[in-house]
Amino acid sequence: MAQKIIITCAITGAIHTPSMSPYLPVTPQQIAEAAIAAAEAGAAIVHLHARDPEGLEVATPADAREILALKGGDKVAF
């Protein structure tokens, strides 16, 4: 009997900054692309945090909307 699993992917982490890793997506475009890639690789849930231009976490609805607008059409359901 096959087991069902749910794969989640934390795209940005909460406290990480670009100085910790050059691979951390920062711009809305980079975050959206990473989320789409994770979904295409099998992630069922993508957890992310919007970032300001310096890479620090921001939590305004406008920041999230900018990322969601880039979601990739039918590739990912938000």
N, C-alpha and C. Protein backbone atom coordinates (compact mmCIF):
# COMPACT_ATOMS: atom_id res chain seq x y z
N MET A 1 0.84 -1.18 0.00
CA MET A 1 0.00 0.00 0.00
C MET A 1 0.89 1.25 0.00
N ALA A 2 0.65 2.15 -0.94
CA ALA A 2 1.45 3.36 -1.06
C ALA A 2 1.08 4.36 0.03
N GLN A 3 2.08 5.02 0.55
CA GLN A 3 1.83 6.08 1.54
C GLN A 3 1.71 7.40 0.81
N LYS A 4 0.78 8.21 1.25
CA LYS A 4 0.64 9.55 0.71
C LYS A 4 1.40 10.50 1.62
N ILE A 5 2.11 11.44 0.99
CA ILE A 5 2.85 12.43 1.76
C ILE A 5 2.55 13.82 1.20
N ILE A 6 2.74 14.80 2.04
CA ILE A 6 2.63 16.19 1.63
C ILE A 6 4.01 16.80 1.78
N ILE A 7 4.52 17.35 0.69
CA ILE A 7 5.84 17.99 0.70
C ILE A 7 5.64 19.50 0.80
N THR A 8 6.29 20.11 1.78
CA THR A 8 6.27 21.56 1.90
C THR A 8 7.66 22.10 1.61
N CYS A 9 7.72 23.32 1.13
CA CYS A 9 9.00 23.94 0.80
C CYS A 9 8.99 25.37 1.32
N ALA A 10 9.94 25.69 2.18
CA ALA A 10 10.09 27.05 2.70
C ALA A 10 11.06 27.79 1.78
N ILE A 11 10.53 28.59 0.92
CA ILE A 11 11.31 29.24 -0.13
C ILE A 11 12.33 30.23 0.44
N THR A 12 11.93 31.06 1.38
CA THR A 12 12.80 32.14 1.83
C THR A 12 13.28 32.00 3.27
N GLY A 13 12.60 31.21 4.07
CA GLY A 13 12.90 31.21 5.50
C GLY A 13 12.43 32.52 6.11
N ALA A 14 12.44 32.59 7.40
CA ALA A 14 11.94 33.81 8.05
C ALA A 14 13.05 34.78 8.43
N ILE A 15 14.19 34.26 8.87
CA ILE A 15 15.23 35.15 9.37
C ILE A 15 16.46 35.21 8.47
N HIS A 16 16.44 34.49 7.40
CA HIS A 16 17.61 34.42 6.52
C HIS A 16 17.76 35.71 5.72
N THR A 17 19.01 36.05 5.43
CA THR A 17 19.32 37.24 4.64
C THR A 17 20.26 36.84 3.52
N PRO A 18 20.37 37.68 2.49
CA PRO A 18 21.26 37.36 1.37
C PRO A 18 22.72 37.16 1.78
N SER A 19 23.14 37.75 2.90
CA SER A 19 24.53 37.55 3.34
C SER A 19 24.76 36.12 3.83
N MET A 20 23.69 35.40 4.16
CA MET A 20 23.80 34.01 4.62
C MET A 20 23.89 33.03 3.46
N SER A 21 23.32 33.40 2.32
CA SER A 21 23.34 32.52 1.15
C SER A 21 23.07 33.33 -0.10
N PRO A 22 23.90 33.14 -1.12
CA PRO A 22 23.65 33.86 -2.38
C PRO A 22 22.45 33.28 -3.13
N TYR A 23 21.91 32.17 -2.66
CA TYR A 23 20.79 31.51 -3.34
C TYR A 23 19.43 31.93 -2.80
N LEU A 24 19.40 32.76 -1.78
CA LEU A 24 18.14 33.21 -1.19
C LEU A 24 17.40 34.10 -2.18
N PRO A 25 16.17 33.71 -2.58
CA PRO A 25 15.43 34.60 -3.48
C PRO A 25 14.97 35.84 -2.71
N VAL A 26 15.11 37.00 -3.33
CA VAL A 26 14.81 38.26 -2.64
C VAL A 26 13.72 39.04 -3.37
N THR A 27 13.86 39.20 -4.66
CA THR A 27 12.89 40.00 -5.40
C THR A 27 11.58 39.22 -5.57
N PRO A 28 10.47 39.92 -5.78
CA PRO A 28 9.22 39.20 -6.02
C PRO A 28 9.34 38.19 -7.17
N GLN A 29 10.04 38.56 -8.22
CA GLN A 29 10.23 37.65 -9.36
C GLN A 29 11.01 36.40 -8.95
N GLN A 30 12.09 36.57 -8.21
CA GLN A 30 12.90 35.43 -7.75
C GLN A 30 12.08 34.51 -6.83
N ILE A 31 11.31 35.11 -5.93
CA ILE A 31 10.50 34.32 -4.99
C ILE A 31 9.43 33.54 -5.75
N ALA A 32 8.76 34.21 -6.70
CA ALA A 32 7.73 33.53 -7.48
C ALA A 32 8.34 32.39 -8.30
N GLU A 33 9.49 32.62 -8.92
CA GLU A 33 10.14 31.56 -9.71
C GLU A 33 10.53 30.38 -8.82
N ALA A 34 11.04 30.65 -7.62
CA ALA A 34 11.41 29.58 -6.70
C ALA A 34 10.18 28.79 -6.25
N ALA A 35 9.07 29.49 -6.02
CA ALA A 35 7.83 28.83 -5.61
C ALA A 35 7.30 27.94 -6.73
N ILE A 36 7.33 28.44 -7.94
CA ILE A 36 6.87 27.65 -9.09
C ILE A 36 7.76 26.44 -9.29
N ALA A 37 9.07 26.62 -9.18
CA ALA A 37 10.00 25.49 -9.32
C ALA A 37 9.76 24.43 -8.25
N ALA A 38 9.49 24.87 -7.03
CA ALA A 38 9.22 23.92 -5.95
C ALA A 38 7.94 23.14 -6.23
N ALA A 39 6.91 23.84 -6.70
CA ALA A 39 5.65 23.16 -7.03
C ALA A 39 5.85 22.17 -8.17
N GLU A 40 6.59 22.57 -9.17
CA GLU A 40 6.86 21.67 -10.30
C GLU A 40 7.68 20.46 -9.88
N ALA A 41 8.48 20.62 -8.82
CA ALA A 41 9.29 19.50 -8.32
C ALA A 41 8.50 18.60 -7.37
N GLY A 42 7.27 19.00 -7.04
CA GLY A 42 6.43 18.13 -6.22
C GLY A 42 5.95 18.71 -4.92
N ALA A 43 6.33 19.93 -4.58
CA ALA A 43 5.85 20.52 -3.33
C ALA A 43 4.37 20.80 -3.43
N ALA A 44 3.63 20.42 -2.40
CA ALA A 44 2.20 20.70 -2.35
C ALA A 44 1.92 22.02 -1.66
N ILE A 45 2.84 22.43 -0.80
CA ILE A 45 2.70 23.68 -0.04
C ILE A 45 4.01 24.45 -0.16
N VAL A 46 3.90 25.74 -0.43
CA VAL A 46 5.07 26.62 -0.48
C VAL A 46 4.88 27.70 0.56
N HIS A 47 5.84 27.81 1.46
CA HIS A 47 5.82 28.82 2.52
C HIS A 47 6.87 29.86 2.16
N LEU A 48 6.48 31.13 2.16
CA LEU A 48 7.46 32.16 1.79
C LEU A 48 7.21 33.44 2.57
N HIS A 49 8.21 34.28 2.57
CA HIS A 49 8.14 35.61 3.17
C HIS A 49 8.57 36.62 2.13
N ALA A 50 7.80 37.69 1.98
CA ALA A 50 8.20 38.77 1.08
C ALA A 50 9.44 39.46 1.64
N ARG A 51 10.21 40.06 0.77
CA ARG A 51 11.47 40.71 1.16
C ARG A 51 11.53 42.13 0.63
N ASP A 52 12.28 42.97 1.33
CA ASP A 52 12.54 44.30 0.81
C ASP A 52 13.79 44.22 -0.09
N PRO A 53 14.18 45.29 -0.76
CA PRO A 53 15.33 45.22 -1.68
C PRO A 53 16.64 44.77 -1.03
N GLU A 54 16.78 44.96 0.29
CA GLU A 54 17.99 44.51 0.99
C GLU A 54 17.89 43.06 1.43
N GLY A 55 16.72 42.46 1.23
CA GLY A 55 16.54 41.06 1.59
C GLY A 55 15.93 40.81 2.95
N LEU A 56 15.53 41.87 3.66
CA LEU A 56 14.91 41.70 4.96
C LEU A 56 13.43 41.40 4.81
N GLU A 57 12.89 40.61 5.72
CA GLU A 57 11.48 40.23 5.66
C GLU A 57 10.57 41.43 5.81
N VAL A 58 9.53 41.49 4.98
CA VAL A 58 8.48 42.49 5.09
C VAL A 58 7.14 41.76 5.10
N ALA A 59 6.16 42.32 5.73
CA ALA A 59 4.90 41.59 5.90
C ALA A 59 3.69 42.46 5.61
N THR A 60 3.71 43.16 4.50
CA THR A 60 2.53 43.95 4.15
C THR A 60 1.74 43.22 3.07
N PRO A 61 0.44 43.42 3.03
CA PRO A 61 -0.35 42.79 1.97
C PRO A 61 0.13 43.17 0.57
N ALA A 62 0.59 44.40 0.40
CA ALA A 62 1.06 44.83 -0.92
C ALA A 62 2.27 44.01 -1.38
N ASP A 63 3.16 43.70 -0.46
CA ASP A 63 4.34 42.90 -0.81
C ASP A 63 3.93 41.49 -1.24
N ALA A 64 3.00 40.90 -0.52
CA ALA A 64 2.53 39.56 -0.87
C ALA A 64 1.79 39.58 -2.20
N ARG A 65 0.98 40.59 -2.43
CA ARG A 65 0.23 40.68 -3.69
C ARG A 65 1.16 40.72 -4.89
N GLU A 66 2.28 41.41 -4.74
CA GLU A 66 3.23 41.51 -5.86
C GLU A 66 3.79 40.13 -6.22
N ILE A 67 4.07 39.33 -5.22
CA ILE A 67 4.57 37.96 -5.48
C ILE A 67 3.46 37.11 -6.08
N LEU A 68 2.26 37.19 -5.51
CA LEU A 68 1.15 36.38 -5.99
C LEU A 68 0.77 36.72 -7.43
N ALA A 69 0.96 37.96 -7.82
CA ALA A 69 0.65 38.36 -9.20
C ALA A 69 1.57 37.67 -10.20
N LEU A 70 2.71 37.18 -9.74
CA LEU A 70 3.69 36.52 -10.60
C LEU A 70 3.62 35.00 -10.52
N LYS A 71 2.55 34.48 -9.98
CA LYS A 71 2.48 33.06 -9.64
C LYS A 71 2.60 32.09 -10.79
N GLY A 72 2.46 32.50 -12.02
CA GLY A 72 2.67 31.58 -13.12
C GLY A 72 1.41 30.95 -13.67
N GLY A 73 0.32 31.68 -13.62
CA GLY A 73 -0.92 31.19 -14.21
C GLY A 73 -1.42 29.93 -13.57
N ASP A 74 -1.58 28.88 -14.36
CA ASP A 74 -2.17 27.64 -13.85
C ASP A 74 -1.14 26.69 -13.23
N LYS A 75 0.12 27.10 -13.15
CA LYS A 75 1.15 26.22 -12.60
C LYS A 75 1.03 26.05 -11.09
N VAL A 76 0.60 27.09 -10.41
CA VAL A 76 0.52 27.07 -8.96
C VAL A 76 -0.80 27.69 -8.53
N ALA A 77 -1.45 27.07 -7.57
CA ALA A 77 -2.68 27.63 -7.02
C ALA A 77 -2.36 28.25 -5.67
N PHE A 78 -2.65 29.53 -5.51
CA PHE A 78 -2.39 30.20 -4.24
C PHE A 78 -3.69 30.41 -3.52
